[in-house]
Amino acid sequence: MPRAKRNFSPQFREEAVKMVIEGSRPISAIARELGIGDGTLGNWVAAYRCEHAGDEPALNVSDPRQPHR
C-alpha cells in the first residue's frame, strides 16, 4: 500500500537544505536524522541550488592538463 504524501513546511525545508549546504555531512545522514527520504532532501537541495545558482562563487579548479609552474 503506498504511503500518504507528507507535506513539509517551507521553514522545515529551508532548515533541512541549510544543514546540507552549510555542513559537511552527506544528504543521506541528514535525511535519516530528520526522518525523511534522502531522495526528497536531495530534490530540495537541487531546487535550492538551481534557484540560487548565481549566489555561490564559481569554483576555481586548475586544469590538470596544464603543467604546474
N, C-alpha and C. Protein backbone atom coordinates (compact mmCIF):
# COMPACT_ATOMS: atom_id res chain seq x y z
N MET A 1 0.84 -1.17 0.00
CA MET A 1 0.00 0.00 0.00
C MET A 1 0.89 1.24 0.00
N PRO A 2 0.66 2.20 -0.89
CA PRO A 2 1.52 3.40 -0.96
C PRO A 2 1.32 4.29 0.26
N ARG A 3 2.40 4.96 0.60
CA ARG A 3 2.37 5.89 1.72
C ARG A 3 1.60 7.15 1.35
N ALA A 4 0.95 7.75 2.33
CA ALA A 4 0.29 9.04 2.11
C ALA A 4 1.37 10.11 1.93
N LYS A 5 1.11 11.04 1.04
CA LYS A 5 2.07 12.11 0.80
C LYS A 5 2.14 13.02 2.01
N ARG A 6 3.36 13.27 2.46
CA ARG A 6 3.55 14.15 3.61
C ARG A 6 3.86 15.55 3.11
N ASN A 7 3.34 16.54 3.80
CA ASN A 7 3.63 17.93 3.47
C ASN A 7 4.56 18.51 4.53
N PHE A 8 5.57 19.22 4.07
CA PHE A 8 6.54 19.83 4.97
C PHE A 8 6.46 21.33 4.81
N SER A 9 6.59 22.04 5.92
CA SER A 9 6.51 23.50 5.88
C SER A 9 7.73 24.06 5.15
N PRO A 10 7.58 25.24 4.57
CA PRO A 10 8.74 25.88 3.92
C PRO A 10 9.90 26.08 4.90
N GLN A 11 9.61 26.35 6.16
CA GLN A 11 10.66 26.54 7.16
C GLN A 11 11.43 25.25 7.39
N PHE A 12 10.72 24.12 7.45
CA PHE A 12 11.38 22.83 7.64
C PHE A 12 12.29 22.53 6.46
N ARG A 13 11.77 22.76 5.26
CA ARG A 13 12.58 22.52 4.05
C ARG A 13 13.83 23.38 4.05
N GLU A 14 13.64 24.66 4.38
CA GLU A 14 14.77 25.59 4.38
C GLU A 14 15.84 25.17 5.38
N GLU A 15 15.43 24.79 6.57
CA GLU A 15 16.39 24.35 7.59
C GLU A 15 17.11 23.07 7.16
N ALA A 16 16.38 22.15 6.55
CA ALA A 16 16.99 20.90 6.09
C ALA A 16 18.03 21.17 5.01
N VAL A 17 17.69 22.04 4.06
CA VAL A 17 18.62 22.39 2.99
C VAL A 17 19.85 23.09 3.56
N LYS A 18 19.66 23.99 4.52
CA LYS A 18 20.80 24.68 5.14
C LYS A 18 21.75 23.70 5.80
N MET A 19 21.19 22.65 6.41
CA MET A 19 22.04 21.65 7.06
C MET A 19 22.96 20.99 6.03
N VAL A 20 22.46 20.80 4.82
CA VAL A 20 23.27 20.17 3.78
C VAL A 20 24.27 21.17 3.21
N ILE A 21 23.79 22.36 2.85
CA ILE A 21 24.62 23.36 2.17
C ILE A 21 25.75 23.85 3.08
N GLU A 22 25.42 24.12 4.34
CA GLU A 22 26.39 24.72 5.24
C GLU A 22 27.24 23.69 6.00
N GLY A 23 26.85 22.44 5.93
CA GLY A 23 27.59 21.41 6.67
C GLY A 23 28.41 20.55 5.74
N SER A 24 29.01 19.53 6.33
CA SER A 24 29.84 18.63 5.53
C SER A 24 29.32 17.20 5.57
N ARG A 25 28.13 17.02 6.14
CA ARG A 25 27.56 15.67 6.24
C ARG A 25 26.79 15.32 4.98
N PRO A 26 26.73 14.05 4.65
CA PRO A 26 26.00 13.63 3.44
C PRO A 26 24.49 13.81 3.59
N ILE A 27 23.84 13.99 2.45
CA ILE A 27 22.38 14.14 2.42
C ILE A 27 21.71 12.96 3.10
N SER A 28 22.19 11.76 2.86
CA SER A 28 21.54 10.57 3.43
C SER A 28 21.54 10.60 4.95
N ALA A 29 22.63 11.05 5.56
CA ALA A 29 22.71 11.11 7.02
C ALA A 29 21.74 12.14 7.59
N ILE A 30 21.67 13.29 6.95
CA ILE A 30 20.78 14.36 7.42
C ILE A 30 19.32 13.93 7.23
N ALA A 31 19.02 13.34 6.09
CA ALA A 31 17.66 12.88 5.83
C ALA A 31 17.22 11.85 6.87
N ARG A 32 18.10 10.91 7.18
CA ARG A 32 17.79 9.89 8.18
C ARG A 32 17.52 10.53 9.53
N GLU A 33 18.36 11.51 9.90
CA GLU A 33 18.19 12.21 11.18
C GLU A 33 16.85 12.94 11.24
N LEU A 34 16.40 13.50 10.11
CA LEU A 34 15.16 14.26 10.07
C LEU A 34 13.94 13.39 9.81
N GLY A 35 14.16 12.12 9.48
CA GLY A 35 13.05 11.21 9.23
C GLY A 35 12.38 11.40 7.88
N ILE A 36 13.18 11.82 6.90
CA ILE A 36 12.65 11.99 5.54
C ILE A 36 13.51 11.18 4.58
N GLY A 37 13.01 10.99 3.37
CA GLY A 37 13.77 10.24 2.37
C GLY A 37 14.94 11.04 1.84
N ASP A 38 16.05 10.35 1.56
CA ASP A 38 17.20 11.08 1.04
C ASP A 38 16.94 11.62 -0.36
N GLY A 39 16.08 10.96 -1.12
CA GLY A 39 15.70 11.48 -2.44
C GLY A 39 14.93 12.79 -2.32
N THR A 40 14.06 12.85 -1.32
CA THR A 40 13.29 14.07 -1.08
C THR A 40 14.22 15.23 -0.74
N LEU A 41 15.11 15.00 0.21
CA LEU A 41 16.05 16.05 0.60
C LEU A 41 16.96 16.41 -0.56
N GLY A 42 17.39 15.42 -1.32
CA GLY A 42 18.22 15.70 -2.48
C GLY A 42 17.51 16.58 -3.50
N ASN A 43 16.22 16.34 -3.69
CA ASN A 43 15.44 17.18 -4.60
C ASN A 43 15.35 18.62 -4.08
N TRP A 44 15.15 18.78 -2.78
CA TRP A 44 15.08 20.12 -2.20
C TRP A 44 16.40 20.86 -2.38
N VAL A 45 17.50 20.16 -2.16
CA VAL A 45 18.83 20.77 -2.30
C VAL A 45 19.08 21.16 -3.75
N ALA A 46 18.72 20.27 -4.68
CA ALA A 46 18.91 20.56 -6.11
C ALA A 46 18.08 21.78 -6.52
N ALA A 47 16.85 21.85 -6.04
CA ALA A 47 16.00 23.00 -6.36
C ALA A 47 16.59 24.28 -5.79
N TYR A 48 17.10 24.22 -4.58
CA TYR A 48 17.72 25.39 -3.95
C TYR A 48 18.92 25.85 -4.78
N ARG A 49 19.75 24.90 -5.17
CA ARG A 49 20.95 25.26 -5.94
C ARG A 49 20.59 25.85 -7.30
N CYS A 50 19.53 25.37 -7.93
CA CYS A 50 19.08 25.95 -9.20
C CYS A 50 18.58 27.37 -8.99
N GLU A 51 17.81 27.58 -7.93
CA GLU A 51 17.25 28.90 -7.65
C GLU A 51 18.32 29.90 -7.23
N HIS A 52 19.41 29.45 -6.64
CA HIS A 52 20.45 30.33 -6.12
C HIS A 52 21.79 30.13 -6.83
N ALA A 53 21.75 29.70 -8.07
CA ALA A 53 22.99 29.38 -8.79
C ALA A 53 23.93 30.58 -8.88
N GLY A 54 23.40 31.77 -9.04
CA GLY A 54 24.24 32.96 -9.16
C GLY A 54 24.78 33.45 -7.83
N ASP A 55 24.26 32.94 -6.73
CA ASP A 55 24.67 33.40 -5.40
C ASP A 55 25.99 32.80 -4.93
N GLU A 56 26.31 31.61 -5.42
CA GLU A 56 27.51 30.93 -4.97
C GLU A 56 28.69 31.33 -5.85
N PRO A 57 29.87 31.52 -5.25
CA PRO A 57 31.04 31.85 -6.07
C PRO A 57 31.42 30.68 -6.97
N ALA A 58 31.97 31.00 -8.10
CA ALA A 58 32.40 29.96 -9.04
C ALA A 58 33.57 29.18 -8.45
N LEU A 59 33.64 27.91 -8.78
CA LEU A 59 34.76 27.09 -8.33
C LEU A 59 36.01 27.48 -9.09
N ASN A 60 37.13 27.48 -8.42
CA ASN A 60 38.40 27.79 -9.06
C ASN A 60 39.22 26.51 -9.06
N VAL A 61 39.08 25.76 -10.12
CA VAL A 61 39.75 24.47 -10.23
C VAL A 61 40.80 24.58 -11.33
N SER A 62 42.02 24.18 -11.02
CA SER A 62 43.06 24.22 -12.05
C SER A 62 42.85 23.09 -13.04
N ASP A 63 43.23 23.35 -14.25
CA ASP A 63 43.14 22.34 -15.29
C ASP A 63 44.29 21.37 -15.10
N PRO A 64 44.00 20.09 -14.82
CA PRO A 64 45.09 19.13 -14.54
C PRO A 64 45.97 18.87 -15.76
N ARG A 65 45.52 19.25 -16.93
CA ARG A 65 46.32 19.04 -18.14
C ARG A 65 47.39 20.09 -18.29
N GLN A 66 47.27 21.19 -17.56
CA GLN A 66 48.26 22.26 -17.65
C GLN A 66 49.40 21.97 -16.68
N PRO A 67 50.64 22.21 -17.11
CA PRO A 67 51.77 21.99 -16.21
C PRO A 67 51.76 23.02 -15.07
N HIS A 68 52.18 22.59 -13.91
CA HIS A 68 52.28 23.50 -12.77
C HIS A 68 53.53 24.35 -12.92
N ARG A 69 53.44 25.60 -12.53
CA ARG A 69 54.61 26.48 -12.64
C ARG A 69 55.08 26.90 -11.30
